C-alpha cells in the first residue's frame, strides 16, 4: 500500500478459530524476517525510494457463526 512518500507492507492472516491463537500472533519472528527480506528485494528490484516504510499486520478471525472480526496493527514490526 502506498500513500505519498509512505510505503506499507501488509501481511494478512486469516483464522477460522482461536485454537492456535489470534491471527496476528501467527506472524512470528521468522515470518517477520521473511517479510523484511521480500520488502528489501522489492525495493532494490523496483529502484523504489520512500521516505518512510511501515509493516502492518491485519488479522481476520472468521467465526463458525458467520461473524468476522478484523484487527489492524499498524507498525507491527
Protein backbone atom coordinates (compact mmCIF):
# COMPACT_ATOMS: atom_id res chain seq x y z
CA UNK A 1 0.00 0.00 0.00
CA UNK A 2 1.33 3.43 -0.83
CA UNK A 3 0.35 6.83 0.49
CA UNK A 4 2.56 9.63 -0.78
CA UNK A 5 6.11 9.03 0.50
CA UNK A 6 4.95 6.18 2.77
CA UNK A 7 5.11 2.55 1.64
CA UNK A 8 3.31 0.00 3.79
CA UNK A 9 3.82 -3.75 3.51
CA UNK A 10 0.75 -5.56 4.85
CA UNK A 11 0.63 -9.19 5.99
CA UNK A 12 -2.93 -10.54 6.18
CA UNK A 13 -3.64 -13.63 8.29
CA UNK A 14 -6.97 -15.47 8.37
CA UNK A 15 -8.07 -17.94 11.01
CA UNK A 16 -11.38 -19.69 11.48
CA UNK A 17 -10.97 -20.20 15.22
CA UNK A 18 -8.73 -19.41 18.18
CA UNK A 19 -7.37 -22.94 18.66
CA UNK A 20 -3.93 -21.73 17.60
CA UNK A 21 -4.27 -18.19 18.96
CA UNK A 22 -5.14 -14.84 17.43
CA UNK A 23 -4.40 -14.43 13.70
CA UNK A 24 -1.89 -11.60 14.28
CA UNK A 25 0.06 -13.86 16.67
CA UNK A 26 0.94 -16.15 13.77
CA UNK A 27 3.35 -13.54 12.39
CA UNK A 28 6.38 -14.94 14.17
CA UNK A 29 9.93 -13.57 14.24
CA UNK A 30 10.79 -15.94 11.38
CA UNK A 31 7.87 -14.66 9.29
CA UNK A 32 8.82 -11.03 10.04
CA UNK A 33 12.37 -11.67 8.81
CA UNK A 34 10.99 -13.21 5.61
CA UNK A 35 8.67 -10.25 5.02
CA UNK A 36 11.57 -7.82 5.53
CA UNK A 37 13.72 -9.74 3.01
CA UNK A 38 10.90 -9.67 0.45
CA UNK A 39 10.45 -5.93 1.04
CA UNK A 40 14.18 -5.30 0.56
CA UNK A 41 14.15 -7.34 -2.65
CA UNK A 42 11.14 -5.36 -3.93
CA UNK A 43 12.77 -2.01 -3.16
CA UNK A 44 16.02 -2.97 -4.90
CA UNK A 45 14.28 -4.52 -7.92
CA UNK A 46 11.96 -1.55 -8.41
CA UNK A 47 14.58 1.05 -7.53
CA UNK A 48 11.95 2.47 -5.23
CA UNK A 49 12.78 5.11 -2.69
CA UNK A 50 10.39 6.11 0.04
CA UNK A 51 10.82 8.45 2.96
CA UNK A 52 9.08 6.02 5.28
CA UNK A 53 8.40 2.26 5.36
CA UNK A 54 5.95 0.52 7.64
CA UNK A 55 4.99 -3.09 8.23
CA UNK A 56 1.38 -3.75 9.25
CA UNK A 57 -0.46 -6.94 10.12
CA UNK A 58 -4.17 -7.49 9.53
CA UNK A 59 -5.70 -10.40 11.41
CA UNK A 60 -9.06 -11.73 10.26
CA UNK A 61 -11.00 -14.09 12.50
CA UNK A 62 -13.90 -15.76 10.69
CA UNK A 63 -16.09 -17.49 13.24
CA UNK A 64 -18.22 -20.51 12.54
CA UNK A 65 -21.24 -18.36 13.34
CA UNK A 66 -20.52 -16.18 10.29
CA UNK A 67 -19.16 -13.25 12.29
CA UNK A 68 -15.93 -11.70 11.08
CA UNK A 69 -13.56 -9.76 13.30
CA UNK A 70 -10.72 -7.72 11.80
CA UNK A 71 -7.75 -6.38 13.75
CA UNK A 72 -5.31 -3.99 12.02
CA UNK A 73 -1.96 -3.47 13.75
CA UNK A 74 -0.11 -0.51 12.24
CA UNK A 75 3.66 -0.57 12.60
CA UNK A 76 3.51 -4.13 13.90
CA UNK A 77 7.26 -4.61 13.43
